[in-house]
Amino acid sequence: MVLEGEREANLAWFLMRFGDWPTGDPQMRFEDGVPRAIEISVSPPPENRELVQQQGFIGIGMLSSLYSSMYNELMLTSDGDVRELRHEPDPGELAALIRDDYWDRKDRALSLWRLHIEPPASE
């Protein structure tokens, strides 16, 4: 799938980087001997692929986990050592990833599901 819009490309990149699906080995793509692109595939874990076939979708991660992974990347080194003691996040950063009108757009390429989860009504 090729994502044409910048907003969807940024969203896909965020999900790929901070979601919990494994990535394949990067593949360099050449055109006339010149490197033009790096392709990275991201797929549900093999143990969950049957579930994808059964229900038609599977989660890539809870938003809070995605945000925690992003925060850890900013704060920690690749060895897990503390790089920074403080980071002031942009409060609207995650809200800008998926705007409210995204779900009504007919030209969106990503097959995303939005789940609204509520506790059961008390009796």
PDB file of N, CA and C in Angstrom:
ATOM      1  N   MET A   1       0.841  -1.167   0.000  1.00  0.00           N
ATOM      2  CA  MET A   1       0.000   0.000   0.000  1.00  0.00           C
ATOM      3  C   MET A   1       0.892   1.238   0.000  1.00  0.00           C
ATOM      4  N   VAL A   2       0.569   2.183  -0.831  1.00  0.00           N
ATOM      5  CA  VAL A   2       1.293   3.448  -0.886  1.00  0.00           C
ATOM      6  C   VAL A   2       0.390   4.526  -0.304  1.00  0.00           C
ATOM      7  N   LEU A   3       0.918   5.254   0.657  1.00  0.00           N
ATOM      8  CA  LEU A   3       0.166   6.342   1.274  1.00  0.00           C
ATOM      9  C   LEU A   3       0.596   7.645   0.626  1.00  0.00           C
ATOM     10  N   GLU A   4      -0.350   8.321   0.025  1.00  0.00           N
ATOM     11  CA  GLU A   4      -0.052   9.562  -0.690  1.00  0.00           C
ATOM     12  C   GLU A   4      -0.056  10.776   0.232  1.00  0.00           C
ATOM     13  N   GLY A   5      -0.977  10.815   1.177  1.00  0.00           N
ATOM     14  CA  GLY A   5      -1.114  11.982   2.034  1.00  0.00           C
ATOM     15  C   GLY A   5      -0.098  12.010   3.165  1.00  0.00           C
ATOM     16  N   GLU A   6       0.389  13.198   3.471  1.00  0.00           N
ATOM     17  CA  GLU A   6       1.388  13.353   4.536  1.00  0.00           C
ATOM     18  C   GLU A   6       0.825  12.944   5.896  1.00  0.00           C
ATOM     19  N   ARG A   7      -0.439  13.294   6.151  1.00  0.00           N
ATOM     20  CA  ARG A   7      -1.034  12.981   7.450  1.00  0.00           C
ATOM     21  C   ARG A   7      -1.104  11.462   7.674  1.00  0.00           C
ATOM     22  N   GLU A   8      -1.547  10.721   6.661  1.00  0.00           N
ATOM     23  CA  GLU A   8      -1.622   9.263   6.802  1.00  0.00           C
ATOM     24  C   GLU A   8      -0.238   8.642   6.876  1.00  0.00           C
ATOM     25  N   ALA A   9       0.714   9.181   6.140  1.00  0.00           N
ATOM     26  CA  ALA A   9       2.083   8.673   6.198  1.00  0.00           C
ATOM     27  C   ALA A   9       2.662   8.869   7.599  1.00  0.00           C
ATOM     28  N   ASN A  10       2.411  10.033   8.202  1.00  0.00           N
ATOM     29  CA  ASN A  10       2.893  10.289   9.564  1.00  0.00           C
ATOM     30  C   ASN A  10       2.225   9.351  10.569  1.00  0.00           C
ATOM     31  N   LEU A  11       0.941   9.117  10.392  1.00  0.00           N
ATOM     32  CA  LEU A  11       0.218   8.210  11.272  1.00  0.00           C
ATOM     33  C   LEU A  11       0.761   6.793  11.146  1.00  0.00           C
ATOM     34  N   ALA A  12       0.969   6.334   9.921  1.00  0.00           N
ATOM     35  CA  ALA A  12       1.510   4.987   9.709  1.00  0.00           C
ATOM     36  C   ALA A  12       2.902   4.867  10.324  1.00  0.00           C
ATOM     37  N   TRP A  13       3.719   5.891  10.158  1.00  0.00           N
ATOM     38  CA  TRP A  13       5.070   5.869  10.733  1.00  0.00           C
ATOM     39  C   TRP A  13       5.004   5.793  12.261  1.00  0.00           C
ATOM     40  N   PHE A  14       4.125   6.551  12.875  1.00  0.00           N
ATOM     41  CA  PHE A  14       3.953   6.513  14.332  1.00  0.00           C
ATOM     42  C   PHE A  14       3.542   5.100  14.782  1.00  0.00           C
ATOM     43  N   LEU A  15       2.569   4.513  14.098  1.00  0.00           N
ATOM     44  CA  LEU A  15       2.106   3.170  14.464  1.00  0.00           C
ATOM     45  C   LEU A  15       3.206   2.125  14.267  1.00  0.00           C
ATOM     46  N   MET A  16       3.966   2.252  13.203  1.00  0.00           N
ATOM     47  CA  MET A  16       5.055   1.309  12.947  1.00  0.00           C
ATOM     48  C   MET A  16       6.147   1.420  14.006  1.00  0.00           C
ATOM     49  N   ARG A  17       6.493   2.624  14.366  1.00  0.00           N
ATOM     50  CA  ARG A  17       7.594   2.846  15.324  1.00  0.00           C
ATOM     51  C   ARG A  17       7.237   2.441  16.741  1.00  0.00           C
ATOM     52  N   PHE A  18       6.000   2.745  17.148  1.00  0.00           N
ATOM     53  CA  PHE A  18       5.671   2.591  18.562  1.00  0.00           C
ATOM     54  C   PHE A  18       4.639   1.507  18.846  1.00  0.00           C
ATOM     55  N   GLY A  19       4.079   0.914  17.807  1.00  0.00           N
ATOM     56  CA  GLY A  19       3.148  -0.188  17.992  1.00  0.00           C
ATOM     57  C   GLY A  19       3.884  -1.464  18.373  1.00  0.00           C
ATOM     58  N   ASP A  20       3.116  -2.509  18.662  1.00  0.00           N
ATOM     59  CA  ASP A  20       3.756  -3.743  19.134  1.00  0.00           C
ATOM     60  C   ASP A  20       3.821  -4.851  18.082  1.00  0.00           C
ATOM     61  N   TRP A  21       3.687  -4.502  16.795  1.00  0.00           N
ATOM     62  CA  TRP A  21       3.868  -5.493  15.742  1.00  0.00           C
ATOM     63  C   TRP A  21       5.344  -5.568  15.363  1.00  0.00           C
ATOM     64  N   PRO A  22       5.830  -6.762  15.072  1.00  0.00           N
ATOM     65  CA  PRO A  22       7.239  -6.884  14.661  1.00  0.00           C
ATOM     66  C   PRO A  22       7.452  -6.347  13.246  1.00  0.00           C
ATOM     67  N   THR A  23       8.674  -5.856  13.008  1.00  0.00           N
ATOM     68  CA  THR A  23       9.033  -5.347  11.685  1.00  0.00           C
ATOM     69  C   THR A  23       9.909  -6.363  10.968  1.00  0.00           C
ATOM     70  N   GLY A  24       9.788  -6.386   9.651  1.00  0.00           N
ATOM     71  CA  GLY A  24      10.671  -7.211   8.826  1.00  0.00           C
ATOM     72  C   GLY A  24      11.977  -6.485   8.588  1.00  0.00           C
ATOM     73  N   ASP A  25      12.888  -7.146   7.926  1.00  0.00           N
ATOM     74  CA  ASP A  25      14.162  -6.512   7.593  1.00  0.00           C
ATOM     75  C   ASP A  25      13.937  -5.424   6.553  1.00  0.00           C
ATOM     76  N   PRO A  26      14.555  -4.266   6.732  1.00  0.00           N
ATOM     77  CA  PRO A  26      14.412  -3.192   5.740  1.00  0.00           C
ATOM     78  C   PRO A  26      14.954  -3.643   4.378  1.00  0.00           C
ATOM     79  N   GLN A  27      14.270  -3.249   3.324  1.00  0.00           N
ATOM     80  CA  GLN A  27      14.677  -3.578   1.956  1.00  0.00           C
ATOM     81  C   GLN A  27      14.957  -2.275   1.191  1.00  0.00           C
ATOM     82  N   MET A  28      16.160  -2.155   0.667  1.00  0.00           N
ATOM     83  CA  MET A  28      16.527  -0.990  -0.118  1.00  0.00           C
ATOM     84  C   MET A  28      16.001  -1.181  -1.535  1.00  0.00           C
ATOM     85  N   ARG A  29      15.350  -0.160  -2.071  1.00  0.00           N
ATOM     86  CA  ARG A  29      14.835  -0.191  -3.443  1.00  0.00           C
ATOM     87  C   ARG A  29      15.649   0.777  -4.299  1.00  0.00           C
ATOM     88  N   PHE A  30      16.127   0.262  -5.434  1.00  0.00           N
ATOM     89  CA  PHE A  30      16.961   1.052  -6.334  1.00  0.00           C
ATOM     90  C   PHE A  30      16.213   1.352  -7.623  1.00  0.00           C
ATOM     91  N   GLU A  31      16.562   2.484  -8.236  1.00  0.00           N
ATOM     92  CA  GLU A  31      16.051   2.862  -9.549  1.00  0.00           C
ATOM     93  C   GLU A  31      17.237   3.368 -10.351  1.00  0.00           C
ATOM     94  N   ASP A  32      17.548   2.678 -11.430  1.00  0.00           N
ATOM     95  CA  ASP A  32      18.722   3.008 -12.247  1.00  0.00           C
ATOM     96  C   ASP A  32      19.999   3.015 -11.412  1.00  0.00           C
ATOM     97  N   GLY A  33      20.115   2.062 -10.492  1.00  0.00           N
ATOM     98  CA  GLY A  33      21.302   1.935  -9.667  1.00  0.00           C
ATOM     99  C   GLY A  33      21.396   2.920  -8.522  1.00  0.00           C
ATOM    100  N   VAL A  34      20.385   3.769  -8.368  1.00  0.00           N
ATOM    101  CA  VAL A  34      20.395   4.787  -7.317  1.00  0.00           C
ATOM    102  C   VAL A  34      19.381   4.396  -6.243  1.00  0.00           C
ATOM    103  N   PRO A  35      19.784   4.415  -4.969  1.00  0.00           N
ATOM    104  CA  PRO A  35      18.806   4.085  -3.915  1.00  0.00           C
ATOM    105  C   PRO A  35      17.676   5.119  -3.905  1.00  0.00           C
ATOM    106  N   ARG A  36      16.430   4.635  -3.937  1.00  0.00           N
ATOM    107  CA  ARG A  36      15.270   5.528  -3.986  1.00  0.00           C
ATOM    108  C   ARG A  36      14.353   5.388  -2.785  1.00  0.00           C
ATOM    109  N   ALA A  37      14.377   4.233  -2.135  1.00  0.00           N
ATOM    110  CA  ALA A  37      13.447   4.024  -1.020  1.00  0.00           C
ATOM    111  C   ALA A  37      13.939   2.889  -0.138  1.00  0.00           C
ATOM    112  N   ILE A  38      13.497   2.933   1.077  1.00  0.00           N
ATOM    113  CA  ILE A  38      13.685   1.822   2.003  1.00  0.00           C
ATOM    114  C   ILE A  38      12.297   1.353   2.387  1.00  0.00           C
ATOM    115  N   GLU A  39      12.008   0.089   2.154  1.00  0.00           N
ATOM    116  CA  GLU A  39      10.705  -0.474   2.491  1.00  0.00           C
ATOM    117  C   GLU A  39      10.830  -1.278   3.775  1.00  0.00           C
ATOM    118  N   ILE A  40       9.901  -1.033   4.675  1.00  0.00           N
ATOM    119  CA  ILE A  40       9.858  -1.749   5.949  1.00  0.00           C
ATOM    120  C   ILE A  40       8.464  -2.338   6.084  1.00  0.00           C
ATOM    121  N   SER A  41       8.400  -3.641   6.268  1.00  0.00           N
ATOM    122  CA  SER A  41       7.088  -4.275   6.435  1.00  0.00           C
ATOM    123  C   SER A  41       6.798  -4.476   7.919  1.00  0.00           C
ATOM    124  N   VAL A  42       5.559  -4.276   8.265  1.00  0.00           N
ATOM    125  CA  VAL A  42       5.091  -4.451   9.636  1.00  0.00           C
ATOM    126  C   VAL A  42       3.851  -5.325   9.568  1.00  0.00           C
ATOM    127  N   SER A  43       3.847  -6.400  10.345  1.00  0.00           N
ATOM    128  CA  SER A  43       2.727  -7.350  10.321  1.00  0.00           C
ATOM    129  C   SER A  43       2.401  -7.796  11.733  1.00  0.00           C
ATOM    130  N   PRO A  44       1.167  -8.242  11.929  1.00  0.00           N
ATOM    131  CA  PRO A  44       0.826  -8.804  13.242  1.00  0.00           C
ATOM    132  C   PRO A  44       1.738  -9.982  13.562  1.00  0.00           C
ATOM    133  N   PRO A  45       1.984 -10.241  14.831  1.00  0.00           N
ATOM    134  CA  PRO A  45       2.821 -11.386  15.201  1.00  0.00           C
ATOM    135  C   PRO A  45       2.233 -12.683  14.635  1.00  0.00           C
ATOM    136  N   PRO A  46       3.086 -13.625  14.250  1.00  0.00           N
ATOM    137  CA  PRO A  46       2.604 -14.876  13.660  1.00  0.00           C
ATOM    138  C   PRO A  46       1.541 -15.582  14.505  1.00  0.00           C
ATOM    139  N   GLU A  47       1.679 -15.531  15.812  1.00  0.00           N
ATOM    140  CA  GLU A  47       0.704 -16.210  16.668  1.00  0.00           C
ATOM    141  C   GLU A  47      -0.673 -15.553  16.639  1.00  0.00           C
ATOM    142  N   ASN A  48      -0.780 -14.342  16.097  1.00  0.00           N
ATOM    143  CA  ASN A  48      -2.061 -13.631  16.035  1.00  0.00           C
ATOM    144  C   ASN A  48      -2.672 -13.610  14.638  1.00  0.00           C
ATOM    145  N   ARG A  49      -2.001 -14.164  13.657  1.00  0.00           N
ATOM    146  CA  ARG A  49      -2.501 -14.084  12.275  1.00  0.00           C
ATOM    147  C   ARG A  49      -3.797 -14.855  12.082  1.00  0.00           C
ATOM    148  N   GLU A  50      -3.977 -15.945  12.813  1.00  0.00           N
ATOM    149  CA  GLU A  50      -5.243 -16.676  12.725  1.00  0.00           C
ATOM    150  C   GLU A  50      -6.388 -15.822  13.259  1.00  0.00           C
ATOM    151  N   LEU A  51      -6.129 -15.090  14.332  1.00  0.00           N
ATOM    152  CA  LEU A  51      -7.141 -14.190  14.886  1.00  0.00           C
ATOM    153  C   LEU A  51      -7.524 -13.110  13.874  1.00  0.00           C
ATOM    154  N   VAL A  52      -6.540 -12.611  13.132  1.00  0.00           N
ATOM    155  CA  VAL A  52      -6.825 -11.621  12.095  1.00  0.00           C
ATOM    156  C   VAL A  52      -7.780 -12.225  11.070  1.00  0.00           C
ATOM    157  N   GLN A  53      -7.523 -13.459  10.666  1.00  0.00           N
ATOM    158  CA  GLN A  53      -8.390 -14.121   9.688  1.00  0.00           C
ATOM    159  C   GLN A  53      -9.803 -14.310  10.234  1.00  0.00           C
ATOM    160  N   GLN A  54      -9.916 -14.620  11.514  1.00  0.00           N
ATOM    161  CA  GLN A  54     -11.226 -14.872  12.122  1.00  0.00           C
ATOM    162  C   GLN A  54     -12.050 -13.604  12.276  1.00  0.00           C
ATOM    163  N   GLN A  55     -11.434 -12.548  12.813  1.00  0.00           N
ATOM    164  CA  GLN A  55     -12.229 -11.354  13.127  1.00  0.00           C
ATOM    165  C   GLN A  55     -12.023 -10.202  12.155  1.00  0.00           C
ATOM    166  N   GLY A  56     -11.020 -10.290  11.292  1.00  0.00           N
ATOM    167  CA  GLY A  56     -10.822  -9.261  10.279  1.00  0.00           C
ATOM    168  C   GLY A  56      -9.974  -8.078  10.705  1.00  0.00           C
ATOM    169  N   PHE A  57      -9.499  -8.071  11.924  1.00  0.00           N
ATOM    170  CA  PHE A  57      -8.631  -6.986  12.387  1.00  0.00           C
ATOM    171  C   PHE A  57      -7.895  -7.447  13.635  1.00  0.00           C
ATOM    172  N   ILE A  58      -6.887  -6.693  14.006  1.00  0.00           N
ATOM    173  CA  ILE A  58      -6.182  -6.911  15.272  1.00  0.00           C
ATOM    174  C   ILE A  58      -5.515  -5.595  15.659  1.00  0.00           C
ATOM    175  N   GLY A  59      -5.430  -5.350  16.934  1.00  0.00           N
ATOM    176  CA  GLY A  59      -4.856  -4.099  17.418  1.00  0.00           C
ATOM    177  C   GLY A  59      -3.345  -4.057  17.259  1.00  0.00           C
ATOM    178  N   ILE A  60      -2.840  -2.845  17.083  1.00  0.00           N
ATOM    179  CA  ILE A  60      -1.396  -2.639  16.992  1.00  0.00           C
ATOM    180  C   ILE A  60      -0.858  -2.097  18.312  1.00  0.00           C
ATOM    181  N   GLY A  61      -1.775  -1.739  19.210  1.00  0.00           N
ATOM    182  CA  GLY A  61      -1.375  -1.260  20.524  1.00  0.00           C
ATOM    183  C   GLY A  61      -2.364  -0.240  21.056  1.00  0.00           C
ATOM    184  N   MET A  62      -2.425  -0.142  22.363  1.00  0.00           N
ATOM    185  CA  MET A  62      -3.263   0.873  22.995  1.00  0.00           C
ATOM    186  C   MET A  62      -2.553   2.222  22.885  1.00  0.00           C
ATOM    187  N   LEU A  63      -3.327   3.275  22.726  1.00  0.00           N
ATOM    188  CA  LEU A  63      -2.740   4.602  22.555  1.00  0.00           C
ATOM    189  C   LEU A  63      -1.811   4.960  23.718  1.00  0.00           C
ATOM    190  N   SER A  64      -2.188   4.584  24.921  1.00  0.00           N
ATOM    191  CA  SER A  64      -1.327   4.903  26.071  1.00  0.00           C
ATOM    192  C   SER A  64       0.022   4.181  25.960  1.00  0.00           C
ATOM    193  N   SER A  65       0.033   2.954  25.449  1.00  0.00           N
ATOM    194  CA  SER A  65       1.290   2.218  25.267  1.00  0.00           C
ATOM    195  C   SER A  65       2.123   2.825  24.149  1.00  0.00           C
ATOM    196  N   LEU A  66       1.457   3.243  23.078  1.00  0.00           N
ATOM    197  CA  LEU A  66       2.172   3.885  21.976  1.00  0.00           C
ATOM    198  C   LEU A  66       2.852   5.161  22.466  1.00  0.00           C
ATOM    199  N   TYR A  67       2.110   5.928  23.244  1.00  0.00           N
ATOM    200  CA  TYR A  67       2.663   7.179  23.767  1.00  0.00           C
ATOM    201  C   TYR A  67       3.814   6.903  24.735  1.00  0.00           C
ATOM    202  N   SER A  68       3.674   5.880  25.577  1.00  0.00           N
ATOM    203  CA  SER A  68       4.760   5.521  26.502  1.00  0.00           C
ATOM    204  C   SER A  68       6.017   5.124  25.745  1.00  0.00           C
ATOM    205  N   SER A  69       5.860   4.373  24.668  1.00  0.00           N
ATOM    206  CA  SER A  69       7.016   3.979  23.859  1.00  0.00           C
ATOM    207  C   SER A  69       7.680   5.198  23.239  1.00  0.00           C
ATOM    208  N   MET A  70       6.885   6.146  22.760  1.00  0.00           N
ATOM    209  CA  MET A  70       7.428   7.366  22.197  1.00  0.00           C
ATOM    210  C   MET A  70       8.188   8.155  23.272  1.00  0.00           C
ATOM    211  N   TYR A  71       7.595   8.257  24.441  1.00  0.00           N
ATOM    212  CA  TYR A  71       8.212   8.987  25.541  1.00  0.00           C
ATOM    213  C   TYR A  71       9.534   8.330  25.944  1.00  0.00           C
ATOM    214  N   ASN A  72       9.530   6.986  26.030  1.00  0.00           N
ATOM    215  CA  ASN A  72      10.755   6.266  26.391  1.00  0.00           C
ATOM    216  C   ASN A  72      11.857   6.485  25.360  1.00  0.00           C
ATOM    217  N   GLU A  73      11.487   6.560  24.086  1.00  0.00           N
ATOM    218  CA  GLU A  73      12.489   6.809  23.059  1.00  0.00           C
ATOM    219  C   GLU A  73      13.147   8.172  23.258  1.00  0.00           C
ATOM    220  N   LEU A  74      12.374   9.140  23.706  1.00  0.00           N
ATOM    221  CA  LEU A  74      12.909  10.478  23.955  1.00  0.00           C
ATOM    222  C   LEU A  74      13.769  10.525  25.216  1.00  0.00           C
ATOM    223  N   MET A  75      13.406   9.738  26.216  1.00  0.00           N
ATOM    224  CA  MET A  75      14.028   9.851  27.536  1.00  0.00           C
ATOM    225  C   MET A  75      15.170   8.869  27.785  1.00  0.00           C
ATOM    226  N   LEU A  76      15.173   7.734  27.088  1.00  0.00           N
ATOM    227  CA  LEU A  76      16.138   6.675  27.384  1.00  0.00           C
ATOM    228  C   LEU A  76      17.047   6.408  26.195  1.00  0.00           C
ATOM    229  N   THR A  77      18.252   5.904  26.493  1.00  0.00           N
ATOM    230  CA  THR A  77      19.150   5.460  25.428  1.00  0.00           C
ATOM    231  C   THR A  77      18.693   4.084  24.955  1.00  0.00           C
ATOM    232  N   SER A  78      19.317   3.586  23.903  1.00  0.00           N
ATOM    233  CA  SER A  78      18.956   2.254  23.399  1.00  0.00           C
ATOM    234  C   SER A  78      19.290   1.156  24.410  1.00  0.00           C
ATOM    235  N   ASP A  79      20.180   1.453  25.369  1.00  0.00           N
ATOM    236  CA  ASP A  79      20.514   0.486  26.429  1.00  0.00           C
ATOM    237  C   ASP A  79      19.593   0.606  27.636  1.00  0.00           C
ATOM    238  N   GLY A  80      18.671   1.578  27.624  1.00  0.00           N
ATOM    239  CA  GLY A  80      17.749   1.761  28.730  1.00  0.00           C
ATOM    240  C   GLY A  80      18.240   2.726  29.793  1.00  0.00           C
ATOM    241  N   ASP A  81      19.390   3.349  29.554  1.00  0.00           N
ATOM    242  CA  ASP A  81      19.897   4.342  30.500  1.00  0.00           C
ATOM    243  C   ASP A  81      19.160   5.661  30.292  1.00  0.00           C
ATOM    244  N   VAL A  82      19.053   6.438  31.364  1.00  0.00           N
ATOM    245  CA  VAL A  82      18.348   7.715  31.294  1.00  0.00           C
ATOM    246  C   VAL A  82      19.184   8.719  30.507  1.00  0.00           C
ATOM    247  N   ARG A  83      18.562   9.305  29.490  1.00  0.00           N
ATOM    248  CA  ARG A  83      19.202  10.322  28.661  1.00  0.00           C
ATOM    249  C   ARG A  83      18.797  11.709  29.131  1.00  0.00           C
ATOM    250  N   GLU A  84      17.533  11.853  29.499  1.00  0.00           N
ATOM    251  CA  GLU A  84      16.982  13.120  29.970  1.00  0.00           C
ATOM    252  C   GLU A  84      16.163  12.855  31.221  1.00  0.00           C
ATOM    253  N   LEU A  85      16.106  13.830  32.091  1.00  0.00           N
ATOM    254  CA  LEU A  85      15.282  13.708  33.296  1.00  0.00           C
ATOM    255  C   LEU A  85      13.934  14.377  33.125  1.00  0.00           C
ATOM    256  N   ARG A  86      13.818  15.218  32.107  1.00  0.00           N
ATOM    257  CA  ARG A  86      12.566  15.953  31.942  1.00  0.00           C
ATOM    258  C   ARG A  86      12.292  16.182  30.461  1.00  0.00           C
ATOM    259  N   HIS A  87      11.032  16.043  30.115  1.00  0.00           N
ATOM    260  CA  HIS A  87      10.593  16.322  28.745  1.00  0.00           C
ATOM    261  C   HIS A  87       9.202  16.920  28.825  1.00  0.00           C
ATOM    262  N   GLU A  88       9.024  18.034  28.175  1.00  0.00           N
ATOM    263  CA  GLU A  88       7.717  18.690  28.157  1.00  0.00           C
ATOM    264  C   GLU A  88       7.015  18.336  26.853  1.00  0.00           C
ATOM    265  N   PRO A  89       6.063  17.416  26.895  1.00  0.00           N
ATOM    266  CA  PRO A  89       5.380  17.030  25.657  1.00  0.00           C
ATOM    267  C   PRO A  89       4.455  18.123  25.154  1.00  0.00           C
ATOM    268  N   ASP A  90       4.217  18.101  23.856  1.00  0.00           N
ATOM    269  CA  ASP A  90       3.260  19.002  23.230  1.00  0.00           C
ATOM    270  C   ASP A  90       1.877  18.406  23.481  1.00  0.00           C
ATOM    271  N   PRO A  91       0.996  19.092  24.219  1.00  0.00           N
ATOM    272  CA  PRO A  91      -0.301  18.521  24.577  1.00  0.00           C
ATOM    273  C   PRO A  91      -1.170  18.118  23.383  1.00  0.00           C
ATOM    274  N   GLY A  92      -0.995  18.745  22.239  1.00  0.00           N
ATOM    275  CA  GLY A  92      -1.824  18.416  21.087  1.00  0.00           C
ATOM    276  C   GLY A  92      -1.170  17.457  20.106  1.00  0.00           C
ATOM    277  N   GLU A  93      -0.005  16.938  20.469  1.00  0.00           N
ATOM    278  CA  GLU A  93       0.765  16.110  19.545  1.00  0.00           C
ATOM    279  C   GLU A  93       0.001  14.867  19.083  1.00  0.00           C
ATOM    280  N   LEU A  94      -0.579  14.140  20.000  1.00  0.00           N
ATOM    281  CA  LEU A  94      -1.302  12.925  19.622  1.00  0.00           C
ATOM    282  C   LEU A  94      -2.643  13.234  18.976  1.00  0.00           C
ATOM    283  N   ALA A  95      -3.287  14.291  19.400  1.00  0.00           N
ATOM    284  CA  ALA A  95      -4.570  14.666  18.803  1.00  0.00           C
ATOM    285  C   ALA A  95      -4.405  15.002  17.326  1.00  0.00           C
ATOM    286  N   ALA A  96      -3.239  15.487  16.941  1.00  0.00           N
ATOM    287  CA  ALA A  96      -3.005  15.851  15.551  1.00  0.00           C
ATOM    288  C   ALA A  96      -2.781  14.627  14.660  1.00  0.00           C
ATOM    289  N   LEU A  97      -2.494  13.485  15.248  1.00  0.00           N
ATOM    290  CA  LEU A  97      -2.275  12.276  14.453  1.00  0.00           C
ATOM    291  C   LEU A  97      -3.531  11.857  13.698  1.00  0.00           C
ATOM    292  N   ILE A  98      -4.640  11.792  14.397  1.00  0.00           N
ATOM    293  CA  ILE A  98      -5.912  11.416  13.769  1.00  0.00           C
ATOM    294  C   ILE A  98      -6.929  12.489  14.125  1.00  0.00           C
ATOM    295  N   ARG A  99      -7.242  13.316  13.173  1.00  0.00           N
ATOM    296  CA  ARG A  99      -8.233  14.364  13.410  1.00  0.00           C
ATOM    297  C   ARG A  99      -9.631  13.774  13.347  1.00  0.00           C
ATOM    298  N   ASP A 100     -10.571  14.455  13.963  1.00  0.00           N
ATOM    299  CA  ASP A 100     -11.946  13.952  14.017  1.00  0.00           C
ATOM    300  C   ASP A 100     -12.546  13.689  12.641  1.00  0.00           C
ATOM    301  N   ASP A 101     -12.202  14.504  11.649  1.00  0.00           N
ATOM    302  CA  ASP A 101     -12.784  14.317  10.315  1.00  0.00           C
ATOM    303  C   ASP A 101     -12.178  13.139   9.548  1.00  0.00           C
ATOM    304  N   TYR A 102     -11.125  12.541  10.075  1.00  0.00           N
ATOM    305  CA  TYR A 102     -10.464  11.427   9.393  1.00  0.00           C
ATOM    306  C   TYR A 102     -11.437  10.279   9.132  1.00  0.00           C
ATOM    307  N   TRP A 103     -12.286  10.002  10.070  1.00  0.00           N
ATOM    308  CA  TRP A 103     -13.182   8.845   9.976  1.00  0.00           C
ATOM    309  C   TRP A 103     -14.269   9.036   8.929  1.00  0.00           C
ATOM    310  N   ASP A 104     -14.572  10.284   8.561  1.00  0.00           N
ATOM    311  CA  ASP A 104     -15.597  10.570   7.565  1.00  0.00           C
ATOM    312  C   ASP A 104     -15.044  10.667   6.146  1.00  0.00           C
ATOM    313  N   ARG A 105     -13.730  10.705   6.013  1.00  0.00           N
ATOM    314  CA  ARG A 105     -13.115  10.886   4.703  1.00  0.00           C
ATOM    315  C   ARG A 105     -13.183   9.598   3.887  1.00  0.00           C
ATOM    316  N   LYS A 106     -13.550   9.726   2.637  1.00  0.00           N
ATOM    317  CA  LYS A 106     -13.635   8.571   1.735  1.00  0.00           C
ATOM    318  C   LYS A 106     -12.280   8.241   1.104  1.00  0.00           C
ATOM    319  N   ASP A 107     -11.334   9.190   1.136  1.00  0.00           N
ATOM    320  CA  ASP A 107     -10.052   8.987   0.461  1.00  0.00           C
ATOM    321  C   ASP A 107      -8.956   8.444   1.374  1.00  0.00           C
ATOM    322  N   ARG A 108      -9.306   8.038   2.588  1.00  0.00           N
ATOM    323  CA  ARG A 108      -8.265   7.525   3.478  1.00  0.00           C
ATOM    324  C   ARG A 108      -7.859   6.122   3.043  1.00  0.00           C
ATOM    325  N   ALA A 109      -6.558   5.861   3.101  1.00  0.00           N
ATOM    326  CA  ALA A 109      -6.028   4.585   2.617  1.00  0.00           C
ATOM    327  C   ALA A 109      -5.814   3.577   3.743  1.00  0.00           C
ATOM    328  N   LEU A 110      -5.504   4.063   4.929  1.00  0.00           N
ATOM    329  CA  LEU A 110      -5.271   3.145   6.047  1.00  0.00           C
ATOM    330  C   LEU A 110      -6.592   2.551   6.532  1.00  0.00           C
ATOM    331  N   SER A 111      -6.599   1.251   6.720  1.00  0.00           N
ATOM    332  CA  SER A 111      -7.788   0.573   7.252  1.00  0.00           C
ATOM    333  C   SER A 111      -7.693   0.556   8.775  1.00  0.00           C
ATOM    334  N   LEU A 112      -8.118   1.632   9.373  1.00  0.00           N
ATOM    335  CA  LEU A 112      -8.053   1.753  10.826  1.00  0.00           C
ATOM    336  C   LEU A 112      -9.441   1.568  11.423  1.00  0.00           C
ATOM    337  N   TRP A 113      -9.458   0.988  12.592  1.00  0.00           N
ATOM    338  CA  TRP A 113     -10.691   0.858  13.360  1.00  0.00           C
ATOM    339  C   TRP A 113     -10.556   1.733  14.591  1.00  0.00           C
ATOM    340  N   ARG A 114     -11.634   2.381  14.956  1.00  0.00           N
ATOM    341  CA  ARG A 114     -11.673   3.166  16.185  1.00  0.00           C
ATOM    342  C   ARG A 114     -12.661   2.475  17.113  1.00  0.00           C
ATOM    343  N   LEU A 115     -12.166   2.047  18.244  1.00  0.00           N
ATOM    344  CA  LEU A 115     -13.008   1.355  19.209  1.00  0.00           C
ATOM    345  C   LEU A 115     -13.284   2.284  20.386  1.00  0.00           C
ATOM    346  N   HIS A 116     -14.515   2.389  20.738  1.00  0.00           N
ATOM    347  CA  HIS A 116     -14.928   3.175  21.897  1.00  0.00           C
ATOM    348  C   HIS A 116     -15.333   2.195  22.979  1.00  0.00           C
ATOM    349  N   ILE A 117     -14.556   2.126  24.026  1.00  0.00           N
ATOM    350  CA  ILE A 117     -14.773   1.129  25.069  1.00  0.00           C
ATOM    351  C   ILE A 117     -15.314   1.816  26.323  1.00  0.00           C
ATOM    352  N   GLU A 118     -16.415   1.288  26.825  1.00  0.00           N
ATOM    353  CA  GLU A 118     -17.027   1.828  28.026  1.00  0.00           C
ATOM    354  C   GLU A 118     -17.293   0.695  29.016  1.00  0.00           C
ATOM    355  N   PRO A 119     -17.283   0.986  30.291  1.00  0.00           N
ATOM    356  CA  PRO A 119     -17.640  -0.054  31.259  1.00  0.00           C
ATOM    357  C   PRO A 119     -19.118  -0.403  31.116  1.00  0.00           C
ATOM    358  N   PRO A 120     -19.492  -1.600  31.507  1.00  0.00           N
ATOM    359  CA  PRO A 120     -20.912  -1.961  31.414  1.00  0.00           C
ATOM    360  C   PRO A 120     -21.758  -1.082  32.332  1.00  0.00           C
ATOM    361  N   ALA A 121     -22.989  -0.849  31.917  1.00  0.00           N
ATOM    362  CA  ALA A 121     -23.887  -0.048  32.740  1.00  0.00           C
ATOM    363  C   ALA A 121     -24.158  -0.786  34.042  1.00  0.00           C
ATOM    364  N   SER A 122     -24.142  -0.055  35.118  1.00  0.00           N
ATOM    365  CA  SER A 122     -24.422  -0.690  36.407  1.00  0.00           C
ATOM    366  C   SER A 122     -25.935  -0.939  36.522  1.00  0.00           C
ATOM    367  N   GLU A 123     -26.248  -2.003  37.188  1.00  0.00           N
ATOM    368  CA  GLU A 123     -27.671  -2.360  37.327  1.00  0.00           C
ATOM    369  C   GLU A 123     -28.241  -1.884  38.622  1.00  0.00           C
TER     370      GLU A 123
END
